[in-house]
């Protein structure tokens, strides 16, 4: 079953990476407004509301997004989202978008921005832990800023990893064990794990890790010892401490907030010093509303209306209407 339109029908990835990078820079310079996410627990998962305002884009809005890990069993995406855009001077609604695909794409674009800023090398191996939609968008985006000599993918279900590899016949993708994948030069982790999957002994100095899966309290993909030897950069301090990769180690007293180097936005503006040569680097991503806003702003620029259906057979379930 095909849940998503082809990415090129939504936004062009290079343009999205640039838009997301600009959103991070605005955030780092204090030029945007973004309250922390609000979480609401539900029987099968949760949903979050994510408001923000980017003056440089003359755009404000809010995304409502769910995370339900068992949705695949019901034939539904794990993550589905709706974004509402507003006209800042009047508050008038401008557009309502099905932001499911946009969420995946902006997550990949965020990893690409971090890889470009923090990775010690410009080419080498890419490791991917997980094989869902955000693994797709992550590889799509990271390969725009980092030349993959080999892509090593691992999934709890090997057949899922094999299907992932089949989608990228034009890239050197190999299904492998988790230790081999974790030892890559650039690592992308996109799982909903609530216990560390990646061991400290598997990670080499000079590697870069995009830790994207921990986006709620209690989630954790990395052995905390990895954090202790790394240059750790987060997307937003408050959100990361509450629900990022660092949230469990901080709560358990293993890692301290003052051991975080800073936010990606402040690294990009030069307010935070970049890592020293040869350092292990980590980008702890919780997902920022400003990047959703930047992605939505880019998407509505494609035309007067875009159809982004949740399901392949529900052609009218997710229109993005833009007022004239």
C-alpha atoms as a PDB file:
ATOM      1  CA  UNK A   1       0.000   0.000   0.000  1.00  0.00           C
ATOM      2  CA  UNK A   2       1.373   3.433  -0.968  1.00  0.00           C
ATOM      3  CA  UNK A   3       0.569   6.029   1.689  1.00  0.00           C
ATOM      4  CA  UNK A   4       2.545   8.965   0.412  1.00  0.00           C
ATOM      5  CA  UNK A   5       2.870  10.960  -2.787  1.00  0.00           C
ATOM      6  CA  UNK A   6       6.304  10.928  -4.373  1.00  0.00           C
ATOM      7  CA  UNK A   7       8.536  13.432  -2.525  1.00  0.00           C
ATOM      8  CA  UNK A   8       9.242  15.437  -5.673  1.00  0.00           C
ATOM      9  CA  UNK A   9       5.488  16.120  -5.892  1.00  0.00           C
ATOM     10  CA  UNK A  10       5.643  17.903  -2.526  1.00  0.00           C
ATOM     11  CA  UNK A  11       8.910  19.865  -2.326  1.00  0.00           C
ATOM     12  CA  UNK A  12      12.330  19.676  -3.957  1.00  0.00           C
ATOM     13  CA  UNK A  13      14.839  18.341  -1.418  1.00  0.00           C
ATOM     14  CA  UNK A  14      17.680  20.768  -2.078  1.00  0.00           C
ATOM     15  CA  UNK A  15      15.268  23.684  -1.657  1.00  0.00           C
ATOM     16  CA  UNK A  16      13.879  22.119   1.520  1.00  0.00           C
ATOM     17  CA  UNK A  17      17.358  21.672   3.020  1.00  0.00           C
ATOM     18  CA  UNK A  18      18.052  25.366   2.375  1.00  0.00           C
ATOM     19  CA  UNK A  19      14.695  26.389   3.889  1.00  0.00           C
ATOM     20  CA  UNK A  20      15.233  24.247   6.982  1.00  0.00           C
ATOM     21  CA  UNK A  21      18.767  25.582   7.397  1.00  0.00           C
ATOM     22  CA  UNK A  22      17.404  29.147   7.283  1.00  0.00           C
ATOM     23  CA  UNK A  23      14.807  28.225   9.906  1.00  0.00           C
ATOM     24  CA  UNK A  24      17.542  26.882  12.206  1.00  0.00           C
ATOM     25  CA  UNK A  25      19.561  30.079  11.688  1.00  0.00           C
ATOM     26  CA  UNK A  26      16.542  32.233  12.567  1.00  0.00           C
ATOM     27  CA  UNK A  27      16.036  30.094  15.674  1.00  0.00           C
ATOM     28  CA  UNK A  28      19.680  30.429  16.680  1.00  0.00           C
ATOM     29  CA  UNK A  29      19.585  34.178  16.207  1.00  0.00           C
ATOM     30  CA  UNK A  30      16.383  34.571  18.222  1.00  0.00           C
ATOM     31  CA  UNK A  31      14.400  35.755  15.212  1.00  0.00           C
ATOM     32  CA  UNK A  32      11.538  33.254  15.502  1.00  0.00           C
ATOM     33  CA  UNK A  33       8.897  32.390  18.074  1.00  0.00           C
ATOM     34  CA  UNK A  34       8.469  28.733  19.045  1.00  0.00           C
ATOM     35  CA  UNK A  35       6.870  27.595  22.311  1.00  0.00           C
ATOM     36  CA  UNK A  36       7.672  24.024  23.398  1.00  0.00           C
ATOM     37  CA  UNK A  37       5.572  21.148  22.074  1.00  0.00           C
ATOM     38  CA  UNK A  38       2.490  20.163  24.047  1.00  0.00           C
ATOM     39  CA  UNK A  39       1.981  16.392  24.383  1.00  0.00           C
ATOM     40  CA  UNK A  40      -1.365  14.645  24.872  1.00  0.00           C
ATOM     41  CA  UNK A  41      -1.249  10.928  25.685  1.00  0.00           C
ATOM     42  CA  UNK A  42      -3.670   8.663  23.823  1.00  0.00           C
ATOM     43  CA  UNK A  43      -4.398   4.920  24.183  1.00  0.00           C
ATOM     44  CA  UNK A  44      -2.126   3.899  21.289  1.00  0.00           C
ATOM     45  CA  UNK A  45       0.395   6.722  21.395  1.00  0.00           C
ATOM     46  CA  UNK A  46       0.182  10.500  21.624  1.00  0.00           C
ATOM     47  CA  UNK A  47      -0.344  13.669  19.673  1.00  0.00           C
ATOM     48  CA  UNK A  48       1.578  16.929  19.853  1.00  0.00           C
ATOM     49  CA  UNK A  49       0.689  20.529  19.027  1.00  0.00           C
ATOM     50  CA  UNK A  50       3.573  22.592  17.653  1.00  0.00           C
ATOM     51  CA  UNK A  51       3.005  26.348  17.113  1.00  0.00           C
ATOM     52  CA  UNK A  52       5.522  28.859  15.745  1.00  0.00           C
ATOM     53  CA  UNK A  53       6.039  32.148  13.922  1.00  0.00           C
ATOM     54  CA  UNK A  54       8.844  33.004  11.489  1.00  0.00           C
ATOM     55  CA  UNK A  55       8.825  36.762  10.785  1.00  0.00           C
ATOM     56  CA  UNK A  56      11.336  36.447   7.927  1.00  0.00           C
ATOM     57  CA  UNK A  57       8.828  34.260   6.036  1.00  0.00           C
ATOM     58  CA  UNK A  58       5.793  36.312   7.142  1.00  0.00           C
ATOM     59  CA  UNK A  59       4.330  32.990   8.239  1.00  0.00           C
ATOM     60  CA  UNK A  60       2.765  31.633  11.427  1.00  0.00           C
ATOM     61  CA  UNK A  61       1.003  28.392  12.152  1.00  0.00           C
ATOM     62  CA  UNK A  62       0.645  25.196  14.090  1.00  0.00           C
ATOM     63  CA  UNK A  63       1.176  21.514  13.352  1.00  0.00           C
ATOM     64  CA  UNK A  64      -0.798  18.753  15.030  1.00  0.00           C
ATOM     65  CA  UNK A  65       0.997  15.417  14.742  1.00  0.00           C
ATOM     66  CA  UNK A  66       0.446  11.957  16.174  1.00  0.00           C
ATOM     67  CA  UNK A  67       2.924   9.169  16.936  1.00  0.00           C
ATOM     68  CA  UNK A  68       1.339   5.700  17.159  1.00  0.00           C
ATOM     69  CA  UNK A  69       4.036   2.980  16.925  1.00  0.00           C
ATOM     70  CA  UNK A  70       1.620   0.122  16.220  1.00  0.00           C
ATOM     71  CA  UNK A  71      -0.235   1.807  13.363  1.00  0.00           C
ATOM     72  CA  UNK A  72       1.451  -0.366  10.748  1.00  0.00           C
ATOM     73  CA  UNK A  73      -0.605  -3.303  12.019  1.00  0.00           C
ATOM     74  CA  UNK A  74      -3.726  -1.314  11.115  1.00  0.00           C
ATOM     75  CA  UNK A  75      -2.379  -0.309   7.716  1.00  0.00           C
ATOM     76  CA  UNK A  76      -1.765   3.284   8.774  1.00  0.00           C
ATOM     77  CA  UNK A  77       1.367   5.451   8.987  1.00  0.00           C
ATOM     78  CA  UNK A  78       3.012   5.701  12.397  1.00  0.00           C
ATOM     79  CA  UNK A  79       3.068   9.486  12.041  1.00  0.00           C
ATOM     80  CA  UNK A  80       0.318  11.637  10.511  1.00  0.00           C
ATOM     81  CA  UNK A  81       0.114  15.413  10.661  1.00  0.00           C
ATOM     82  CA  UNK A  82      -1.911  18.473   9.752  1.00  0.00           C
ATOM     83  CA  UNK A  83      -0.473  21.990   9.527  1.00  0.00           C
ATOM     84  CA  UNK A  84      -2.529  25.198   9.600  1.00  0.00           C
ATOM     85  CA  UNK A  85      -0.873  28.356   8.274  1.00  0.00           C
ATOM     86  CA  UNK A  86      -1.993  31.835   9.349  1.00  0.00           C
ATOM     87  CA  UNK A  87      -1.510  35.343   8.012  1.00  0.00           C
ATOM     88  CA  UNK A  88       0.481  37.019  10.857  1.00  0.00           C
ATOM     89  CA  UNK A  89      -0.988  40.556  10.639  1.00  0.00           C
ATOM     90  CA  UNK A  90      -4.604  39.366  10.741  1.00  0.00           C
ATOM     91  CA  UNK A  91      -4.526  35.779  12.034  1.00  0.00           C
ATOM     92  CA  UNK A  92      -6.596  34.742   9.017  1.00  0.00           C
ATOM     93  CA  UNK A  93      -6.113  31.063   8.036  1.00  0.00           C
ATOM     94  CA  UNK A  94      -4.134  30.813   4.796  1.00  0.00           C
ATOM     95  CA  UNK A  95      -3.836  27.066   4.265  1.00  0.00           C
ATOM     96  CA  UNK A  96      -4.548  23.668   5.756  1.00  0.00           C
ATOM     97  CA  UNK A  97      -2.080  20.993   4.729  1.00  0.00           C
ATOM     98  CA  UNK A  98      -1.776  17.285   5.229  1.00  0.00           C
ATOM     99  CA  UNK A  99       1.765  17.464   6.613  1.00  0.00           C
ATOM    100  CA  UNK A 100       2.453  13.738   6.899  1.00  0.00           C
ATOM    101  CA  UNK A 101       4.937  13.598   4.037  1.00  0.00           C
ATOM    102  CA  UNK A 102       6.257  17.069   4.890  1.00  0.00           C
ATOM    103  CA  UNK A 103       7.066  15.859   8.420  1.00  0.00           C
ATOM    104  CA  UNK A 104       9.160  13.007   7.060  1.00  0.00           C
ATOM    105  CA  UNK A 105      10.893  15.242   4.541  1.00  0.00           C
ATOM    106  CA  UNK A 106      11.733  18.033   6.986  1.00  0.00           C
ATOM    107  CA  UNK A 107      13.128  15.422   9.407  1.00  0.00           C
ATOM    108  CA  UNK A 108      15.482  14.228   6.700  1.00  0.00           C
ATOM    109  CA  UNK A 109      16.359  17.793   5.775  1.00  0.00           C
ATOM    110  CA  UNK A 110      17.184  18.576   9.427  1.00  0.00           C
ATOM    111  CA  UNK A 111      19.578  15.623   9.516  1.00  0.00           C
ATOM    112  CA  UNK A 112      21.204  16.900   6.324  1.00  0.00           C
ATOM    113  CA  UNK A 113      21.685  20.386   7.780  1.00  0.00           C
ATOM    114  CA  UNK A 114      23.296  18.886  10.894  1.00  0.00           C
ATOM    115  CA  UNK A 115      25.482  16.537   8.847  1.00  0.00           C
ATOM    116  CA  UNK A 116      26.681  19.406   6.683  1.00  0.00           C
ATOM    117  CA  UNK A 117      27.518  21.499   9.762  1.00  0.00           C
ATOM    118  CA  UNK A 118      28.988  18.841  12.065  1.00  0.00           C
ATOM    119  CA  UNK A 119      30.297  15.826  10.138  1.00  0.00           C
ATOM    120  CA  UNK A 120      34.083  15.629   9.962  1.00  0.00           C
ATOM    121  CA  UNK A 121      34.096  14.098   6.475  1.00  0.00           C
ATOM    122  CA  UNK A 122      32.336  14.896   3.216  1.00  0.00           C
ATOM    123  CA  UNK A 123      32.170  11.289   2.003  1.00  0.00           C
ATOM    124  CA  UNK A 124      32.196   7.800   3.488  1.00  0.00           C
ATOM    125  CA  UNK A 125      29.731   5.246   4.811  1.00  0.00           C
ATOM    126  CA  UNK A 126      26.183   6.050   5.916  1.00  0.00           C
ATOM    127  CA  UNK A 127      24.582   3.799   8.527  1.00  0.00           C
ATOM    128  CA  UNK A 128      20.807   3.712   9.016  1.00  0.00           C
ATOM    129  CA  UNK A 129      19.109   2.138  12.027  1.00  0.00           C
ATOM    130  CA  UNK A 130      15.455   1.693  11.123  1.00  0.00           C
ATOM    131  CA  UNK A 131      13.763   1.352   7.736  1.00  0.00           C
ATOM    132  CA  UNK A 132      10.592   3.444   7.884  1.00  0.00           C
ATOM    133  CA  UNK A 133       9.630   6.605   6.001  1.00  0.00           C
ATOM    134  CA  UNK A 134      12.087   8.772   7.943  1.00  0.00           C
ATOM    135  CA  UNK A 135      14.893   6.424   6.938  1.00  0.00           C
ATOM    136  CA  UNK A 136      13.900   7.103   3.327  1.00  0.00           C
ATOM    137  CA  UNK A 137      13.801  10.865   3.751  1.00  0.00           C
ATOM    138  CA  UNK A 138      17.013  10.794   5.809  1.00  0.00           C
ATOM    139  CA  UNK A 139      18.970   8.957   3.129  1.00  0.00           C
ATOM    140  CA  UNK A 140      17.455  11.141   0.420  1.00  0.00           C
ATOM    141  CA  UNK A 141      18.545  14.310   2.254  1.00  0.00           C
ATOM    142  CA  UNK A 142      21.895  13.278   3.734  1.00  0.00           C
ATOM    143  CA  UNK A 143      23.105  11.992   0.368  1.00  0.00           C
ATOM    144  CA  UNK A 144      22.703  15.581  -0.934  1.00  0.00           C
ATOM    145  CA  UNK A 145      25.382  16.850   1.493  1.00  0.00           C
ATOM    146  CA  UNK A 146      27.498  13.725   2.135  1.00  0.00           C
ATOM    147  CA  UNK A 147      28.744  11.441  -0.630  1.00  0.00           C
ATOM    148  CA  UNK A 148      27.807   7.827   0.275  1.00  0.00           C
ATOM    149  CA  UNK A 149      30.483   5.287  -0.575  1.00  0.00           C
ATOM    150  CA  UNK A 150      28.257   2.606   0.983  1.00  0.00           C
ATOM    151  CA  UNK A 151      24.914   2.675   2.794  1.00  0.00           C
ATOM    152  CA  UNK A 152      24.536   0.143   5.617  1.00  0.00           C
ATOM    153  CA  UNK A 153      20.989  -0.457   6.831  1.00  0.00           C
ATOM    154  CA  UNK A 154      19.624  -2.467   9.753  1.00  0.00           C
ATOM    155  CA  UNK A 155      16.052  -3.031  10.856  1.00  0.00           C
ATOM    156  CA  UNK A 156      14.510  -5.234  13.538  1.00  0.00           C
ATOM    157  CA  UNK A 157      12.655  -6.938  10.691  1.00  0.00           C
ATOM    158  CA  UNK A 158      15.196  -7.941   8.067  1.00  0.00           C
ATOM    159  CA  UNK A 159      12.612  -8.061   5.280  1.00  0.00           C
ATOM    160  CA  UNK A 160      11.875  -4.374   5.893  1.00  0.00           C
ATOM    161  CA  UNK A 161      15.560  -3.561   5.517  1.00  0.00           C
ATOM    162  CA  UNK A 162      15.687  -5.598   2.313  1.00  0.00           C
ATOM    163  CA  UNK A 163      12.709  -3.711   0.889  1.00  0.00           C
ATOM    164  CA  UNK A 164      14.430  -0.452   1.826  1.00  0.00           C
ATOM    165  CA  UNK A 165      17.566  -1.527  -0.045  1.00  0.00           C
ATOM    166  CA  UNK A 166      15.523  -2.474  -3.124  1.00  0.00           C
ATOM    167  CA  UNK A 167      14.187   1.087  -3.337  1.00  0.00           C
ATOM    168  CA  UNK A 168      17.716   2.433  -3.841  1.00  0.00           C
ATOM    169  CA  UNK A 169      19.165   0.420  -6.701  1.00  0.00           C
ATOM    170  CA  UNK A 170      21.124   3.521  -7.727  1.00  0.00           C
ATOM    171  CA  UNK A 171      22.997   3.610  -4.407  1.00  0.00           C
ATOM    172  CA  UNK A 172      25.386   1.062  -2.825  1.00  0.00           C
ATOM    173  CA  UNK A 173      22.923  -0.061  -0.124  1.00  0.00           C
ATOM    174  CA  UNK A 174      23.694  -3.169   1.912  1.00  0.00           C
ATOM    175  CA  UNK A 175      21.555  -4.864   4.566  1.00  0.00           C
ATOM    176  CA  UNK A 176      23.758  -5.727   7.522  1.00  0.00           C
ATOM    177  CA  UNK A 177      23.882  -6.315  11.275  1.00  0.00           C
ATOM    178  CA  UNK A 178      23.328  -3.459  13.716  1.00  0.00           C
ATOM    179  CA  UNK A 179      26.959  -3.279  14.866  1.00  0.00           C
ATOM    180  CA  UNK A 180      28.270  -2.859  11.322  1.00  0.00           C
ATOM    181  CA  UNK A 181      25.651  -0.229  10.459  1.00  0.00           C
ATOM    182  CA  UNK A 182      26.347   1.672  13.691  1.00  0.00           C
ATOM    183  CA  UNK A 183      30.040   1.855  12.837  1.00  0.00           C
ATOM    184  CA  UNK A 184      29.432   4.079   9.797  1.00  0.00           C
ATOM    185  CA  UNK A 185      30.992   7.513   9.304  1.00  0.00           C
ATOM    186  CA  UNK A 186      27.532   9.126   9.415  1.00  0.00           C
ATOM    187  CA  UNK A 187      24.819   7.336  11.368  1.00  0.00           C
ATOM    188  CA  UNK A 188      21.065   7.989  11.211  1.00  0.00           C
ATOM    189  CA  UNK A 189      18.878   6.471  13.932  1.00  0.00           C
ATOM    190  CA  UNK A 190      15.125   6.588  13.289  1.00  0.00           C
ATOM    191  CA  UNK A 191      13.459   4.113  15.641  1.00  0.00           C
ATOM    192  CA  UNK A 192      10.863   4.528  18.431  1.00  0.00           C
ATOM    193  CA  UNK A 193      13.103   2.654  20.881  1.00  0.00           C
ATOM    194  CA  UNK A 194      12.736   3.183  24.625  1.00  0.00           C
ATOM    195  CA  UNK A 195      15.992   1.381  25.426  1.00  0.00           C
ATOM    196  CA  UNK A 196      19.484   1.973  23.975  1.00  0.00           C
ATOM    197  CA  UNK A 197      20.134   0.098  20.730  1.00  0.00           C
ATOM    198  CA  UNK A 198      23.558   1.505  19.842  1.00  0.00           C
ATOM    199  CA  UNK A 199      26.532   0.534  21.993  1.00  0.00           C
ATOM    200  CA  UNK A 200      29.402   2.876  22.734  1.00  0.00           C
ATOM    201  CA  UNK A 201      32.027   0.358  21.567  1.00  0.00           C
ATOM    202  CA  UNK A 202      30.573   0.378  18.040  1.00  0.00           C
ATOM    203  CA  UNK A 203      31.080   4.122  17.459  1.00  0.00           C
ATOM    204  CA  UNK A 204      34.365   5.490  16.107  1.00  0.00           C
ATOM    205  CA  UNK A 205      35.949   8.836  16.903  1.00  0.00           C
ATOM    206  CA  UNK A 206      35.216  11.294  14.122  1.00  0.00           C
ATOM    207  CA  UNK A 207      31.810   9.791  13.348  1.00  0.00           C
ATOM    208  CA  UNK A 208      28.653  11.871  13.201  1.00  0.00           C
ATOM    209  CA  UNK A 209      25.308  10.629  14.584  1.00  0.00           C
ATOM    210  CA  UNK A 210      21.887  12.034  13.710  1.00  0.00           C
ATOM    211  CA  UNK A 211      19.755  10.758  16.607  1.00  0.00           C
ATOM    212  CA  UNK A 212      16.252  11.394  15.309  1.00  0.00           C
ATOM    213  CA  UNK A 213      14.093   8.760  16.992  1.00  0.00           C
ATOM    214  CA  UNK A 214      13.865  10.091  20.554  1.00  0.00           C
ATOM    215  CA  UNK A 215      11.097  12.684  20.390  1.00  0.00           C
ATOM    216  CA  UNK A 216       9.143  11.987  23.580  1.00  0.00           C
ATOM    217  CA  UNK A 217       9.965  11.411  27.269  1.00  0.00           C
ATOM    218  CA  UNK A 218      11.436   7.960  27.884  1.00  0.00           C
ATOM    219  CA  UNK A 219      12.632   7.362  24.322  1.00  0.00           C
ATOM    220  CA  UNK A 220      16.318   6.512  23.890  1.00  0.00           C
ATOM    221  CA  UNK A 221      18.402   4.990  21.073  1.00  0.00           C
ATOM    222  CA  UNK A 222      22.018   5.553  22.166  1.00  0.00           C
ATOM    223  CA  UNK A 223      24.116   4.146  25.005  1.00  0.00           C
ATOM    224  CA  UNK A 224      24.582   7.183  27.322  1.00  0.00           C
ATOM    225  CA  UNK A 225      28.352   6.566  27.267  1.00  0.00           C
ATOM    226  CA  UNK A 226      28.285   7.718  23.639  1.00  0.00           C
ATOM    227  CA  UNK A 227      26.972  11.103  24.764  1.00  0.00           C
ATOM    228  CA  UNK A 228      29.723  11.404  27.374  1.00  0.00           C
ATOM    229  CA  UNK A 229      32.498  11.254  24.773  1.00  0.00           C
ATOM    230  CA  UNK A 230      30.771  13.354  22.115  1.00  0.00           C
ATOM    231  CA  UNK A 231      30.157  16.910  21.044  1.00  0.00           C
ATOM    232  CA  UNK A 232      26.374  16.979  21.555  1.00  0.00           C
ATOM    233  CA  UNK A 233      24.276  19.477  19.626  1.00  0.00           C
ATOM    234  CA  UNK A 234      20.479  19.680  20.000  1.00  0.00           C
ATOM    235  CA  UNK A 235      17.743  21.295  17.937  1.00  0.00           C
ATOM    236  CA  UNK A 236      16.169  23.052  20.940  1.00  0.00           C
ATOM    237  CA  UNK A 237      17.431  22.982  24.516  1.00  0.00           C
ATOM    238  CA  UNK A 238      14.073  22.822  26.299  1.00  0.00           C
ATOM    239  CA  UNK A 239      12.588  20.194  23.999  1.00  0.00           C
ATOM    240  CA  UNK A 240      15.732  18.040  24.025  1.00  0.00           C
ATOM    241  CA  UNK A 241      16.012  18.000  27.802  1.00  0.00           C
ATOM    242  CA  UNK A 242      12.337  17.071  28.037  1.00  0.00           C
ATOM    243  CA  UNK A 243      12.059  14.546  25.218  1.00  0.00           C
ATOM    244  CA  UNK A 244      15.239  14.187  23.150  1.00  0.00           C
ATOM    245  CA  UNK A 245      17.994  11.589  23.156  1.00  0.00           C
ATOM    246  CA  UNK A 246      19.445  13.269  26.244  1.00  0.00           C
ATOM    247  CA  UNK A 247      16.203  13.158  28.255  1.00  0.00           C
ATOM    248  CA  UNK A 248      16.693   9.792  29.981  1.00  0.00           C
ATOM    249  CA  UNK A 249      20.438  10.224  30.748  1.00  0.00           C
ATOM    250  CA  UNK A 250      19.708  13.670  32.230  1.00  0.00           C
ATOM    251  CA  UNK A 251      16.831  12.339  34.333  1.00  0.00           C
ATOM    252  CA  UNK A 252      19.028   9.508  35.603  1.00  0.00           C
ATOM    253  CA  UNK A 253      21.932  11.842  36.411  1.00  0.00           C
ATOM    254  CA  UNK A 254      24.265  10.292  33.822  1.00  0.00           C
ATOM    255  CA  UNK A 255      24.457  13.388  31.620  1.00  0.00           C
ATOM    256  CA  UNK A 256      24.056  17.081  32.473  1.00  0.00           C
ATOM    257  CA  UNK A 257      22.401  19.846  30.429  1.00  0.00           C
ATOM    258  CA  UNK A 258      25.597  21.902  30.650  1.00  0.00           C
ATOM    259  CA  UNK A 259      27.382  19.143  28.716  1.00  0.00           C
ATOM    260  CA  UNK A 260      25.329  20.051  25.640  1.00  0.00           C
ATOM    261  CA  UNK A 261      27.470  22.179  23.318  1.00  0.00           C
ATOM    262  CA  UNK A 262      24.481  24.203  22.134  1.00  0.00           C
ATOM    263  CA  UNK A 263      21.731  24.265  19.540  1.00  0.00           C
ATOM    264  CA  UNK A 264      22.257  23.645  15.854  1.00  0.00           C
ATOM    265  CA  UNK A 265      20.963  27.133  15.114  1.00  0.00           C
ATOM    266  CA  UNK A 266      23.605  28.731  17.303  1.00  0.00           C
ATOM    267  CA  UNK A 267      26.293  26.570  15.701  1.00  0.00           C
ATOM    268  CA  UNK A 268      25.141  27.809  12.297  1.00  0.00           C
ATOM    269  CA  UNK A 269      25.191  31.458  13.400  1.00  0.00           C
ATOM    270  CA  UNK A 270      28.686  31.061  14.882  1.00  0.00           C
ATOM    271  CA  UNK A 271      27.491  31.747  18.440  1.00  0.00           C
ATOM    272  CA  UNK A 272      28.617  28.252  19.480  1.00  0.00           C
ATOM    273  CA  UNK A 273      32.056  26.916  18.620  1.00  0.00           C
ATOM    274  CA  UNK A 274      32.133  24.032  16.157  1.00  0.00           C
ATOM    275  CA  UNK A 275      33.569  20.661  17.238  1.00  0.00           C
ATOM    276  CA  UNK A 276      37.307  20.123  17.219  1.00  0.00           C
ATOM    277  CA  UNK A 277      38.806  18.043  14.366  1.00  0.00           C
ATOM    278  CA  UNK A 278      38.341  14.323  14.899  1.00  0.00           C
ATOM    279  CA  UNK A 279      35.553  14.733  17.467  1.00  0.00           C
ATOM    280  CA  UNK A 280      32.570  12.418  17.629  1.00  0.00           C
ATOM    281  CA  UNK A 281      29.488  14.571  17.012  1.00  0.00           C
ATOM    282  CA  UNK A 282      25.802  13.996  17.784  1.00  0.00           C
ATOM    283  CA  UNK A 283      22.755  15.904  16.597  1.00  0.00           C
ATOM    284  CA  UNK A 284      19.859  15.257  18.999  1.00  0.00           C
ATOM    285  CA  UNK A 285      16.685  16.081  17.084  1.00  0.00           C
ATOM    286  CA  UNK A 286      13.214  16.321  18.613  1.00  0.00           C
ATOM    287  CA  UNK A 287      11.606  18.021  15.598  1.00  0.00           C
ATOM    288  CA  UNK A 288      10.964  21.763  15.510  1.00  0.00           C
ATOM    289  CA  UNK A 289       7.777  23.553  14.539  1.00  0.00           C
ATOM    290  CA  UNK A 290       9.797  26.205  12.724  1.00  0.00           C
ATOM    291  CA  UNK A 291      11.092  23.563  10.303  1.00  0.00           C
ATOM    292  CA  UNK A 292       7.513  22.388   9.733  1.00  0.00           C
ATOM    293  CA  UNK A 293       6.521  25.977   9.042  1.00  0.00           C
ATOM    294  CA  UNK A 294       9.407  26.433   6.606  1.00  0.00           C
ATOM    295  CA  UNK A 295       8.452  23.195   4.808  1.00  0.00           C
ATOM    296  CA  UNK A 296       4.782  24.173   4.603  1.00  0.00           C
ATOM    297  CA  UNK A 297       5.658  27.647   3.326  1.00  0.00           C
ATOM    298  CA  UNK A 298       7.790  26.046   0.609  1.00  0.00           C
ATOM    299  CA  UNK A 299       5.068  23.530  -0.296  1.00  0.00           C
ATOM    300  CA  UNK A 300       2.295  26.075  -0.787  1.00  0.00           C
ATOM    301  CA  UNK A 301       4.583  28.014  -3.100  1.00  0.00           C
ATOM    302  CA  UNK A 302       4.170  25.204  -5.640  1.00  0.00           C
ATOM    303  CA  UNK A 303       0.706  26.388  -6.583  1.00  0.00           C
ATOM    304  CA  UNK A 304      -2.794  27.319  -5.547  1.00  0.00           C
ATOM    305  CA  UNK A 305      -3.643  23.877  -4.147  1.00  0.00           C
ATOM    306  CA  UNK A 306      -1.829  20.610  -3.465  1.00  0.00           C
ATOM    307  CA  UNK A 307      -3.427  17.251  -2.726  1.00  0.00           C
ATOM    308  CA  UNK A 308      -1.443  15.342  -0.098  1.00  0.00           C
ATOM    309  CA  UNK A 309      -3.657  12.352   0.781  1.00  0.00           C
ATOM    310  CA  UNK A 310      -3.151  10.310   3.939  1.00  0.00           C
ATOM    311  CA  UNK A 311      -4.055   7.126   2.064  1.00  0.00           C
ATOM    312  CA  UNK A 312      -3.696   6.201  -1.585  1.00  0.00           C
ATOM    313  CA  UNK A 313      -7.437   5.691  -1.976  1.00  0.00           C
ATOM    314  CA  UNK A 314      -8.504   8.798  -0.044  1.00  0.00           C
ATOM    315  CA  UNK A 315      -7.884  11.443  -2.677  1.00  0.00           C
ATOM    316  CA  UNK A 316      -9.968  14.072  -0.913  1.00  0.00           C
ATOM    317  CA  UNK A 317      -8.850  13.413   2.638  1.00  0.00           C
ATOM    318  CA  UNK A 318      -5.892  15.755   2.732  1.00  0.00           C
ATOM    319  CA  UNK A 319      -6.189  18.827   0.552  1.00  0.00           C
ATOM    320  CA  UNK A 320      -3.973  21.808   1.069  1.00  0.00           C
ATOM    321  CA  UNK A 321      -6.083  24.776   0.133  1.00  0.00           C
ATOM    322  CA  UNK A 322      -4.392  28.138  -0.296  1.00  0.00           C
ATOM    323  CA  UNK A 323      -6.522  31.256  -0.487  1.00  0.00           C
ATOM    324  CA  UNK A 324      -6.009  33.505  -3.488  1.00  0.00           C
END
